[in-house]
């Protein structure tokens, strides 16, 4: 976020709303999370049978686990991106442009 201060300042100076800045930052933060979740679920589906031989009492395709774990990951990633997004939304465009 600190590396993109001038870019955010320019966007706000050109009329971007605080909500648009927040959407951009949160969206860019959640994109790798979404890719990781898709790849993780695909890997879990492929390796589910192998894992049943290693772990006792675990179903190969446990729907509850496959739903709750990605939800927790999204919640953690969302909370990790919200703080910088809120900071960026409150950024003064003139001060941001002077910092470079």
PDB file of N, CA and C in Angstrom:
ATOM      1  N   UNK A   1       0.835  -1.176   0.000  1.00  0.00           N
ATOM      2  CA  UNK A   1       0.000   0.000   0.000  1.00  0.00           C
ATOM      3  C   UNK A   1       0.877   1.236   0.000  1.00  0.00           C
ATOM      4  N   UNK A   2       1.947   1.236   0.791  1.00  0.00           N
ATOM      5  CA  UNK A   2       2.805   2.411   0.864  1.00  0.00           C
ATOM      6  C   UNK A   2       3.532   2.643  -0.456  1.00  0.00           C
ATOM      7  N   UNK A   3       3.770   1.600  -1.224  1.00  0.00           N
ATOM      8  CA  UNK A   3       4.422   1.754  -2.516  1.00  0.00           C
ATOM      9  C   UNK A   3       3.484   2.367  -3.554  1.00  0.00           C
ATOM     10  N   UNK A   4       2.191   2.286  -3.320  1.00  0.00           N
ATOM     11  CA  UNK A   4       1.209   2.771  -4.300  1.00  0.00           C
ATOM     12  C   UNK A   4       0.548   4.069  -3.856  1.00  0.00           C
ATOM     13  N   UNK A   5       1.143   4.773  -2.895  1.00  0.00           N
ATOM     14  CA  UNK A   5       0.548   5.992  -2.361  1.00  0.00           C
ATOM     15  C   UNK A   5       0.328   7.030  -3.446  1.00  0.00           C
ATOM     16  N   UNK A   6       1.315   7.227  -4.300  1.00  0.00           N
ATOM     17  CA  UNK A   6       1.163   8.245  -5.350  1.00  0.00           C
ATOM     18  C   UNK A   6       0.085   7.841  -6.358  1.00  0.00           C
ATOM     19  N   UNK A   7       0.013   6.559  -6.675  1.00  0.00           N
ATOM     20  CA  UNK A   7      -1.032   6.103  -7.602  1.00  0.00           C
ATOM     21  C   UNK A   7      -2.417   6.342  -7.016  1.00  0.00           C
ATOM     22  N   UNK A   8      -2.582   6.026  -5.740  1.00  0.00           N
ATOM     23  CA  UNK A   8      -3.872   6.233  -5.087  1.00  0.00           C
ATOM     24  C   UNK A   8      -4.198   7.712  -5.008  1.00  0.00           C
ATOM     25  N   UNK A   9      -3.184   8.536  -4.735  1.00  0.00           N
ATOM     26  CA  UNK A   9      -3.392   9.982  -4.715  1.00  0.00           C
ATOM     27  C   UNK A   9      -3.849  10.508  -6.066  1.00  0.00           C
ATOM     28  N   UNK A  10      -3.263  10.014  -7.140  1.00  0.00           N
ATOM     29  CA  UNK A  10      -3.666  10.429  -8.491  1.00  0.00           C
ATOM     30  C   UNK A  10      -5.094   9.991  -8.773  1.00  0.00           C
ATOM     31  N   UNK A  11      -5.442   8.757  -8.409  1.00  0.00           N
ATOM     32  CA  UNK A  11      -6.813   8.276  -8.623  1.00  0.00           C
ATOM     33  C   UNK A  11      -7.824   9.156  -7.888  1.00  0.00           C
ATOM     34  N   UNK A  12      -7.513   9.490  -6.638  1.00  0.00           N
ATOM     35  CA  UNK A  12      -8.426  10.321  -5.869  1.00  0.00           C
ATOM     36  C   UNK A  12      -8.481  11.742  -6.418  1.00  0.00           C
ATOM     37  N   UNK A  13      -7.350  12.258  -6.872  1.00  0.00           N
ATOM     38  CA  UNK A  13      -7.337  13.594  -7.449  1.00  0.00           C
ATOM     39  C   UNK A  13      -8.160  13.648  -8.734  1.00  0.00           C
ATOM     40  N   UNK A  14      -8.231  12.536  -9.447  1.00  0.00           N
ATOM     41  CA  UNK A  14      -9.014  12.486 -10.679  1.00  0.00           C
ATOM     42  C   UNK A  14     -10.478  12.152 -10.424  1.00  0.00           C
ATOM     43  N   UNK A  15     -10.848  11.967  -9.148  1.00  0.00           N
ATOM     44  CA  UNK A  15     -12.253  11.801  -8.828  1.00  0.00           C
ATOM     45  C   UNK A  15     -12.686  10.444  -8.329  1.00  0.00           C
ATOM     46  N   UNK A  16     -11.744   9.551  -8.048  1.00  0.00           N
ATOM     47  CA  UNK A  16     -12.133   8.238  -7.526  1.00  0.00           C
ATOM     48  C   UNK A  16     -12.664   8.400  -6.102  1.00  0.00           C
ATOM     49  N   UNK A  17     -13.750   7.737  -5.822  1.00  0.00           N
ATOM     50  CA  UNK A  17     -14.331   7.815  -4.481  1.00  0.00           C
ATOM     51  C   UNK A  17     -13.554   6.922  -3.521  1.00  0.00           C
ATOM     52  N   UNK A  18     -13.783   7.133  -2.233  1.00  0.00           N
ATOM     53  CA  UNK A  18     -13.131   6.308  -1.224  1.00  0.00           C
ATOM     54  C   UNK A  18     -13.567   4.849  -1.367  1.00  0.00           C
ATOM     55  N   UNK A  19     -14.831   4.648  -1.714  1.00  0.00           N
ATOM     56  CA  UNK A  19     -15.332   3.281  -1.903  1.00  0.00           C
ATOM     57  C   UNK A  19     -14.643   2.598  -3.083  1.00  0.00           C
ATOM     58  N   UNK A  20     -14.388   3.342  -4.144  1.00  0.00           N
ATOM     59  CA  UNK A  20     -13.708   2.766  -5.309  1.00  0.00           C
ATOM     60  C   UNK A  20     -12.268   2.387  -4.969  1.00  0.00           C
ATOM     61  N   UNK A  21     -11.612   3.219  -4.191  1.00  0.00           N
ATOM     62  CA  UNK A  21     -10.240   2.916  -3.774  1.00  0.00           C
ATOM     63  C   UNK A  21     -10.234   1.668  -2.898  1.00  0.00           C
ATOM     64  N   UNK A  22     -11.179   1.584  -1.979  1.00  0.00           N
ATOM     65  CA  UNK A  22     -11.248   0.409  -1.114  1.00  0.00           C
ATOM     66  C   UNK A  22     -11.539  -0.863  -1.905  1.00  0.00           C
ATOM     67  N   UNK A  23     -12.470  -0.770  -2.869  1.00  0.00           N
ATOM     68  CA  UNK A  23     -12.785  -1.938  -3.703  1.00  0.00           C
ATOM     69  C   UNK A  23     -11.559  -2.409  -4.470  1.00  0.00           C
ATOM     70  N   UNK A  24     -10.785  -1.469  -4.986  1.00  0.00           N
ATOM     71  CA  UNK A  24      -9.593  -1.823  -5.750  1.00  0.00           C
ATOM     72  C   UNK A  24      -8.585  -2.552  -4.876  1.00  0.00           C
ATOM     73  N   UNK A  25      -8.319  -2.016  -3.710  1.00  0.00           N
ATOM     74  CA  UNK A  25      -7.295  -2.601  -2.849  1.00  0.00           C
ATOM     75  C   UNK A  25      -7.756  -3.952  -2.293  1.00  0.00           C
ATOM     76  N   UNK A  26      -8.988  -4.040  -1.839  1.00  0.00           N
ATOM     77  CA  UNK A  26      -9.490  -5.305  -1.315  1.00  0.00           C
ATOM     78  C   UNK A  26      -9.570  -6.346  -2.430  1.00  0.00           C
ATOM     79  N   UNK A  27     -10.009  -5.938  -3.617  1.00  0.00           N
ATOM     80  CA  UNK A  27     -10.080  -6.865  -4.744  1.00  0.00           C
ATOM     81  C   UNK A  27      -8.726  -7.412  -5.127  1.00  0.00           C
ATOM     82  N   UNK A  28      -7.715  -6.547  -5.138  1.00  0.00           N
ATOM     83  CA  UNK A  28      -6.369  -7.006  -5.473  1.00  0.00           C
ATOM     84  C   UNK A  28      -5.775  -7.874  -4.370  1.00  0.00           C
ATOM     85  N   UNK A  29      -6.217  -7.662  -3.141  1.00  0.00           N
ATOM     86  CA  UNK A  29      -5.740  -8.497  -2.053  1.00  0.00           C
ATOM     87  C   UNK A  29      -6.404  -9.856  -2.022  1.00  0.00           C
ATOM     88  N   UNK A  30      -7.656  -9.914  -2.449  1.00  0.00           N
ATOM     89  CA  UNK A  30      -8.387 -11.187  -2.409  1.00  0.00           C
ATOM     90  C   UNK A  30      -8.190 -12.048  -3.656  1.00  0.00           C
ATOM     91  N   UNK A  31      -7.673 -11.474  -4.712  1.00  0.00           N
ATOM     92  CA  UNK A  31      -7.449 -12.243  -5.938  1.00  0.00           C
ATOM     93  C   UNK A  31      -6.501 -13.425  -5.714  1.00  0.00           C
ATOM     94  N   UNK A  32      -5.328 -13.229  -5.094  1.00  0.00           N
ATOM     95  CA  UNK A  32      -4.463 -14.396  -4.845  1.00  0.00           C
ATOM     96  C   UNK A  32      -5.101 -15.401  -3.880  1.00  0.00           C
ATOM     97  N   UNK A  33      -5.912 -14.899  -2.964  1.00  0.00           N
ATOM     98  CA  UNK A  33      -6.610 -15.785  -2.039  1.00  0.00           C
ATOM     99  C   UNK A  33      -7.576 -16.687  -2.795  1.00  0.00           C
ATOM    100  N   UNK A  34      -8.333 -16.115  -3.704  1.00  0.00           N
ATOM    101  CA  UNK A  34      -9.295 -16.897  -4.490  1.00  0.00           C
ATOM    102  C   UNK A  34      -8.583 -17.941  -5.335  1.00  0.00           C
ATOM    103  N   UNK A  35      -7.473 -17.559  -5.948  1.00  0.00           N
ATOM    104  CA  UNK A  35      -6.709 -18.515  -6.754  1.00  0.00           C
ATOM    105  C   UNK A  35      -6.188 -19.647  -5.878  1.00  0.00           C
ATOM    106  N   UNK A  36      -5.691 -19.302  -4.684  1.00  0.00           N
ATOM    107  CA  UNK A  36      -5.189 -20.317  -3.759  1.00  0.00           C
ATOM    108  C   UNK A  36      -6.277 -21.264  -3.284  1.00  0.00           C
ATOM    109  N   UNK A  37      -7.465 -20.723  -3.048  1.00  0.00           N
ATOM    110  CA  UNK A  37      -8.571 -21.572  -2.605  1.00  0.00           C
ATOM    111  C   UNK A  37      -8.976 -22.541  -3.711  1.00  0.00           C
ATOM    112  N   UNK A  38      -9.066 -22.060  -4.931  1.00  0.00           N
ATOM    113  CA  UNK A  38      -9.436 -22.934  -6.047  1.00  0.00           C
ATOM    114  C   UNK A  38      -8.391 -24.031  -6.241  1.00  0.00           C
ATOM    115  N   UNK A  39      -7.110 -23.649  -6.221  1.00  0.00           N
ATOM    116  CA  UNK A  39      -6.058 -24.654  -6.379  1.00  0.00           C
ATOM    117  C   UNK A  39      -6.030 -25.625  -5.197  1.00  0.00           C
ATOM    118  N   UNK A  40      -6.265 -25.112  -3.993  1.00  0.00           N
ATOM    119  CA  UNK A  40      -6.284 -25.974  -2.809  1.00  0.00           C
ATOM    120  C   UNK A  40      -7.426 -26.968  -2.828  1.00  0.00           C
ATOM    121  N   UNK A  41      -8.610 -26.512  -3.218  1.00  0.00           N
ATOM    122  CA  UNK A  41      -9.752 -27.429  -3.299  1.00  0.00           C
ATOM    123  C   UNK A  41      -9.554 -28.473  -4.396  1.00  0.00           C
ATOM    124  N   UNK A  42      -8.969 -28.056  -5.518  1.00  0.00           N
ATOM    125  CA  UNK A  42      -8.704 -29.019  -6.594  1.00  0.00           C
ATOM    126  C   UNK A  42      -7.678 -30.060  -6.143  1.00  0.00           C
ATOM    127  N   UNK A  43      -6.639 -29.606  -5.443  1.00  0.00           N
ATOM    128  CA  UNK A  43      -5.629 -30.532  -4.936  1.00  0.00           C
ATOM    129  C   UNK A  43      -6.233 -31.465  -3.897  1.00  0.00           C
ATOM    130  N   UNK A  44      -7.085 -30.926  -3.037  1.00  0.00           N
ATOM    131  CA  UNK A  44      -7.734 -31.758  -2.014  1.00  0.00           C
ATOM    132  C   UNK A  44      -8.624 -32.812  -2.666  1.00  0.00           C
ATOM    133  N   UNK A  45      -9.299 -32.433  -3.735  1.00  0.00           N
ATOM    134  CA  UNK A  45     -10.151 -33.399  -4.426  1.00  0.00           C
ATOM    135  C   UNK A  45      -9.326 -34.504  -5.070  1.00  0.00           C
ATOM    136  N   UNK A  46      -8.176 -34.137  -5.617  1.00  0.00           N
ATOM    137  CA  UNK A  46      -7.322 -35.132  -6.268  1.00  0.00           C
ATOM    138  C   UNK A  46      -6.617 -36.038  -5.262  1.00  0.00           C
ATOM    139  N   UNK A  47      -6.205 -35.465  -4.141  1.00  0.00           N
ATOM    140  CA  UNK A  47      -5.430 -36.244  -3.180  1.00  0.00           C
ATOM    141  C   UNK A  47      -6.256 -36.753  -2.008  1.00  0.00           C
ATOM    142  N   UNK A  48      -7.560 -36.616  -2.077  1.00  0.00           N
ATOM    143  CA  UNK A  48      -8.431 -37.031  -0.977  1.00  0.00           C
ATOM    144  C   UNK A  48      -8.320 -38.491  -0.639  1.00  0.00           C
ATOM    145  N   UNK A  49      -8.283 -39.319  -1.629  1.00  0.00           N
ATOM    146  CA  UNK A  49      -8.196 -40.765  -1.389  1.00  0.00           C
ATOM    147  C   UNK A  49      -6.865 -41.135  -0.746  1.00  0.00           C
ATOM    148  N   UNK A  50      -5.800 -40.494  -1.158  1.00  0.00           N
ATOM    149  CA  UNK A  50      -4.479 -40.786  -0.591  1.00  0.00           C
ATOM    150  C   UNK A  50      -4.454 -40.391   0.878  1.00  0.00           C
ATOM    151  N   UNK A  51      -5.060 -39.266   1.214  1.00  0.00           N
ATOM    152  CA  UNK A  51      -5.042 -38.777   2.584  1.00  0.00           C
ATOM    153  C   UNK A  51      -5.853 -39.660   3.534  1.00  0.00           C
ATOM    154  N   UNK A  52      -6.865 -40.363   3.038  1.00  0.00           N
ATOM    155  CA  UNK A  52      -7.651 -41.231   3.923  1.00  0.00           C
ATOM    156  C   UNK A  52      -6.807 -42.371   4.475  1.00  0.00           C
ATOM    157  N   UNK A  53      -5.796 -42.794   3.738  1.00  0.00           N
ATOM    158  CA  UNK A  53      -4.925 -43.847   4.254  1.00  0.00           C
ATOM    159  C   UNK A  53      -3.978 -43.307   5.327  1.00  0.00           C
ATOM    160  N   UNK A  54      -3.721 -41.995   5.315  1.00  0.00           N
ATOM    161  CA  UNK A  54      -2.797 -41.401   6.280  1.00  0.00           C
ATOM    162  C   UNK A  54      -3.492 -40.858   7.522  1.00  0.00           C
ATOM    163  N   UNK A  55      -4.740 -40.432   7.399  1.00  0.00           N
ATOM    164  CA  UNK A  55      -5.463 -39.818   8.504  1.00  0.00           C
ATOM    165  C   UNK A  55      -6.650 -40.684   8.902  1.00  0.00           C
ATOM    166  N   UNK A  56      -6.768 -40.967  10.160  1.00  0.00           N
ATOM    167  CA  UNK A  56      -7.864 -41.813  10.639  1.00  0.00           C
ATOM    168  C   UNK A  56      -9.098 -40.965  10.901  1.00  0.00           C
ATOM    169  N   UNK A  57     -10.262 -41.447  10.453  1.00  0.00           N
ATOM    170  CA  UNK A  57     -11.526 -40.778  10.741  1.00  0.00           C
ATOM    171  C   UNK A  57     -11.827 -39.583   9.862  1.00  0.00           C
ATOM    172  N   UNK A  58     -11.153 -39.446   8.757  1.00  0.00           N
ATOM    173  CA  UNK A  58     -11.385 -38.317   7.862  1.00  0.00           C
ATOM    174  C   UNK A  58     -11.993 -38.841   6.567  1.00  0.00           C
ATOM    175  N   UNK A  59     -13.087 -38.252   6.168  1.00  0.00           N
ATOM    176  CA  UNK A  59     -13.721 -38.612   4.903  1.00  0.00           C
ATOM    177  C   UNK A  59     -12.908 -38.013   3.751  1.00  0.00           C
ATOM    178  N   UNK A  60     -12.881 -38.660   2.606  1.00  0.00           N
ATOM    179  CA  UNK A  60     -12.086 -38.128   1.491  1.00  0.00           C
ATOM    180  C   UNK A  60     -12.618 -36.800   0.956  1.00  0.00           C
ATOM    181  N   UNK A  61     -13.915 -36.606   0.988  1.00  0.00           N
ATOM    182  CA  UNK A  61     -14.495 -35.356   0.495  1.00  0.00           C
ATOM    183  C   UNK A  61     -15.486 -34.837   1.527  1.00  0.00           C
ATOM    184  N   UNK A  62     -14.966 -34.394   2.655  1.00  0.00           N
ATOM    185  CA  UNK A  62     -15.791 -33.885   3.742  1.00  0.00           C
ATOM    186  C   UNK A  62     -16.318 -32.509   3.355  1.00  0.00           C
ATOM    187  N   UNK A  63     -17.618 -32.412   3.129  1.00  0.00           N
ATOM    188  CA  UNK A  63     -18.226 -31.163   2.655  1.00  0.00           C
ATOM    189  C   UNK A  63     -18.097 -30.045   3.677  1.00  0.00           C
ATOM    190  N   UNK A  64     -18.208 -30.381   4.951  1.00  0.00           N
ATOM    191  CA  UNK A  64     -18.102 -29.357   5.988  1.00  0.00           C
ATOM    192  C   UNK A  64     -16.712 -28.727   5.990  1.00  0.00           C
ATOM    193  N   UNK A  65     -15.695 -29.547   5.935  1.00  0.00           N
ATOM    194  CA  UNK A  65     -14.328 -29.040   5.911  1.00  0.00           C
ATOM    195  C   UNK A  65     -14.057 -28.241   4.643  1.00  0.00           C
ATOM    196  N   UNK A  66     -14.543 -28.753   3.514  1.00  0.00           N
ATOM    197  CA  UNK A  66     -14.326 -28.063   2.236  1.00  0.00           C
ATOM    198  C   UNK A  66     -15.077 -26.739   2.158  1.00  0.00           C
ATOM    199  N   UNK A  67     -16.040 -26.523   3.023  1.00  0.00           N
ATOM    200  CA  UNK A  67     -16.772 -25.254   3.047  1.00  0.00           C
ATOM    201  C   UNK A  67     -16.225 -24.303   4.104  1.00  0.00           C
ATOM    202  N   UNK A  68     -15.883 -24.835   5.272  1.00  0.00           N
ATOM    203  CA  UNK A  68     -15.469 -23.971   6.382  1.00  0.00           C
ATOM    204  C   UNK A  68     -14.048 -23.446   6.210  1.00  0.00           C
ATOM    205  N   UNK A  69     -13.128 -24.286   5.772  1.00  0.00           N
ATOM    206  CA  UNK A  69     -11.735 -23.842   5.633  1.00  0.00           C
ATOM    207  C   UNK A  69     -11.598 -22.697   4.629  1.00  0.00           C
ATOM    208  N   UNK A  70     -12.170 -22.788   3.428  1.00  0.00           N
ATOM    209  CA  UNK A  70     -12.071 -21.632   2.522  1.00  0.00           C
ATOM    210  C   UNK A  70     -12.748 -20.378   3.086  1.00  0.00           C
ATOM    211  N   UNK A  71     -13.842 -20.557   3.818  1.00  0.00           N
ATOM    212  CA  UNK A  71     -14.510 -19.413   4.431  1.00  0.00           C
ATOM    213  C   UNK A  71     -13.606 -18.723   5.446  1.00  0.00           C
ATOM    214  N   UNK A  72     -12.921 -19.502   6.259  1.00  0.00           N
ATOM    215  CA  UNK A  72     -11.995 -18.925   7.242  1.00  0.00           C
ATOM    216  C   UNK A  72     -10.839 -18.216   6.534  1.00  0.00           C
ATOM    217  N   UNK A  73     -10.319 -18.818   5.482  1.00  0.00           N
ATOM    218  CA  UNK A  73      -9.217 -18.198   4.741  1.00  0.00           C
ATOM    219  C   UNK A  73      -9.664 -16.869   4.125  1.00  0.00           C
ATOM    220  N   UNK A  74     -10.866 -16.827   3.572  1.00  0.00           N
ATOM    221  CA  UNK A  74     -11.380 -15.583   2.985  1.00  0.00           C
ATOM    222  C   UNK A  74     -11.581 -14.521   4.063  1.00  0.00           C
ATOM    223  N   UNK A  75     -12.101 -14.917   5.215  1.00  0.00           N
ATOM    224  CA  UNK A  75     -12.302 -13.958   6.299  1.00  0.00           C
ATOM    225  C   UNK A  75     -10.976 -13.372   6.797  1.00  0.00           C
ATOM    226  N   UNK A  76      -9.962 -14.217   6.926  1.00  0.00           N
ATOM    227  CA  UNK A  76      -8.653 -13.733   7.368  1.00  0.00           C
ATOM    228  C   UNK A  76      -8.033 -12.819   6.309  1.00  0.00           C
ATOM    229  N   UNK A  77      -8.103 -13.213   5.053  1.00  0.00           N
ATOM    230  CA  UNK A  77      -7.543 -12.380   3.982  1.00  0.00           C
ATOM    231  C   UNK A  77      -8.295 -11.060   3.867  1.00  0.00           C
ATOM    232  N   UNK A  78      -9.610 -11.103   4.026  1.00  0.00           N
ATOM    233  CA  UNK A  78     -10.405  -9.888   3.951  1.00  0.00           C
ATOM    234  C   UNK A  78     -10.046  -8.939   5.090  1.00  0.00           C
ATOM    235  N   UNK A  79      -9.904  -9.459   6.286  1.00  0.00           N
ATOM    236  CA  UNK A  79      -9.545  -8.595   7.408  1.00  0.00           C
ATOM    237  C   UNK A  79      -8.125  -8.059   7.247  1.00  0.00           C
ATOM    238  N   UNK A  80      -7.237  -8.823   6.616  1.00  0.00           N
ATOM    239  CA  UNK A  80      -5.868  -8.356   6.398  1.00  0.00           C
ATOM    240  C   UNK A  80      -5.802  -7.263   5.343  1.00  0.00           C
ATOM    241  N   UNK A  81      -6.741  -7.225   4.422  1.00  0.00           N
ATOM    242  CA  UNK A  81      -6.717  -6.193   3.383  1.00  0.00           C
ATOM    243  C   UNK A  81      -7.563  -4.978   3.732  1.00  0.00           C
ATOM    244  N   UNK A  82      -8.461  -5.118   4.690  1.00  0.00           N
ATOM    245  CA  UNK A  82      -9.332  -3.993   5.023  1.00  0.00           C
ATOM    246  C   UNK A  82      -8.590  -2.828   5.682  1.00  0.00           C
ATOM    247  N   UNK A  83      -7.632  -3.110   6.550  1.00  0.00           N
ATOM    248  CA  UNK A  83      -6.905  -2.037   7.220  1.00  0.00           C
ATOM    249  C   UNK A  83      -6.142  -1.158   6.225  1.00  0.00           C
ATOM    250  N   UNK A  84      -5.342  -1.728   5.326  1.00  0.00           N
ATOM    251  CA  UNK A  84      -4.689  -0.874   4.333  1.00  0.00           C
ATOM    252  C   UNK A  84      -5.685  -0.176   3.399  1.00  0.00           C
ATOM    253  N   UNK A  85      -6.796  -0.831   3.100  1.00  0.00           N
ATOM    254  CA  UNK A  85      -7.800  -0.219   2.230  1.00  0.00           C
ATOM    255  C   UNK A  85      -8.444   0.987   2.907  1.00  0.00           C
ATOM    256  N   UNK A  86      -8.739   0.871   4.192  1.00  0.00           N
ATOM    257  CA  UNK A  86      -9.305   2.014   4.926  1.00  0.00           C
ATOM    258  C   UNK A  86      -8.308   3.151   5.012  1.00  0.00           C
ATOM    259  N   UNK A  87      -7.042   2.820   5.229  1.00  0.00           N
ATOM    260  CA  UNK A  87      -5.999   3.850   5.258  1.00  0.00           C
ATOM    261  C   UNK A  87      -5.884   4.553   3.910  1.00  0.00           C
ATOM    262  N   UNK A  88      -5.970   3.802   2.844  1.00  0.00           N
ATOM    263  CA  UNK A  88      -5.860   4.386   1.506  1.00  0.00           C
ATOM    264  C   UNK A  88      -7.073   5.254   1.196  1.00  0.00           C
ATOM    265  N   UNK A  89      -8.235   4.872   1.664  1.00  0.00           N
ATOM    266  CA  UNK A  89      -9.448   5.645   1.396  1.00  0.00           C
ATOM    267  C   UNK A  89      -9.413   6.994   2.105  1.00  0.00           C
ATOM    268  N   UNK A  90      -8.734   7.061   3.248  1.00  0.00           N
ATOM    269  CA  UNK A  90      -8.640   8.322   3.990  1.00  0.00           C
ATOM    270  C   UNK A  90      -7.481   9.195   3.533  1.00  0.00           C
ATOM    271  N   UNK A  91      -6.715   8.736   2.580  1.00  0.00           N
ATOM    272  CA  UNK A  91      -5.522   9.431   2.120  1.00  0.00           C
ATOM    273  C   UNK A  91      -5.877  10.762   1.472  1.00  0.00           C
ATOM    274  N   UNK A  92      -5.131  11.793   1.838  1.00  0.00           N
ATOM    275  CA  UNK A  92      -5.309  13.108   1.218  1.00  0.00           C
ATOM    276  C   UNK A  92      -4.538  13.113  -0.106  1.00  0.00           C
ATOM    277  N   UNK A  93      -5.206  13.382  -1.236  1.00  0.00           N
ATOM    278  CA  UNK A  93      -4.527  13.294  -2.531  1.00  0.00           C
ATOM    279  C   UNK A  93      -3.338  14.259  -2.659  1.00  0.00           C
ATOM    280  N   UNK A  94      -3.467  15.467  -2.147  1.00  0.00           N
ATOM    281  CA  UNK A  94      -2.355  16.410  -2.263  1.00  0.00           C
ATOM    282  C   UNK A  94      -1.149  15.966  -1.458  1.00  0.00           C
ATOM    283  N   UNK A  95      -1.372  15.493  -0.263  1.00  0.00           N
ATOM    284  CA  UNK A  95      -0.271  15.014   0.572  1.00  0.00           C
ATOM    285  C   UNK A  95       0.366  13.765  -0.052  1.00  0.00           C
ATOM    286  N   UNK A  96      -0.435  12.905  -0.644  1.00  0.00           N
ATOM    287  CA  UNK A  96       0.094  11.698  -1.272  1.00  0.00           C
ATOM    288  C   UNK A  96       0.972  12.037  -2.469  1.00  0.00           C
ATOM    289  N   UNK A  97       0.599  13.051  -3.218  1.00  0.00           N
ATOM    290  CA  UNK A  97       1.385  13.433  -4.385  1.00  0.00           C
ATOM    291  C   UNK A  97       2.670  14.159  -4.002  1.00  0.00           C
ATOM    292  N   UNK A  98       2.686  14.785  -2.850  1.00  0.00           N
ATOM    293  CA  UNK A  98       3.900  15.494  -2.400  1.00  0.00           C
ATOM    294  C   UNK A  98       4.932  14.565  -1.809  1.00  0.00           C
ATOM    295  N   UNK A  99       4.558  13.383  -1.412  1.00  0.00           N
ATOM    296  CA  UNK A  99       5.491  12.483  -0.729  1.00  0.00           C
ATOM    297  C   UNK A  99       6.560  11.917  -1.664  1.00  0.00           C
ATOM    298  N   UNK A 100       6.326  11.878  -2.947  1.00  0.00           N
ATOM    299  CA  UNK A 100       7.338  11.320  -3.867  1.00  0.00           C
ATOM    300  C   UNK A 100       8.454  12.241  -4.132  1.00  0.00           C
TER     301      UNK A 100
END
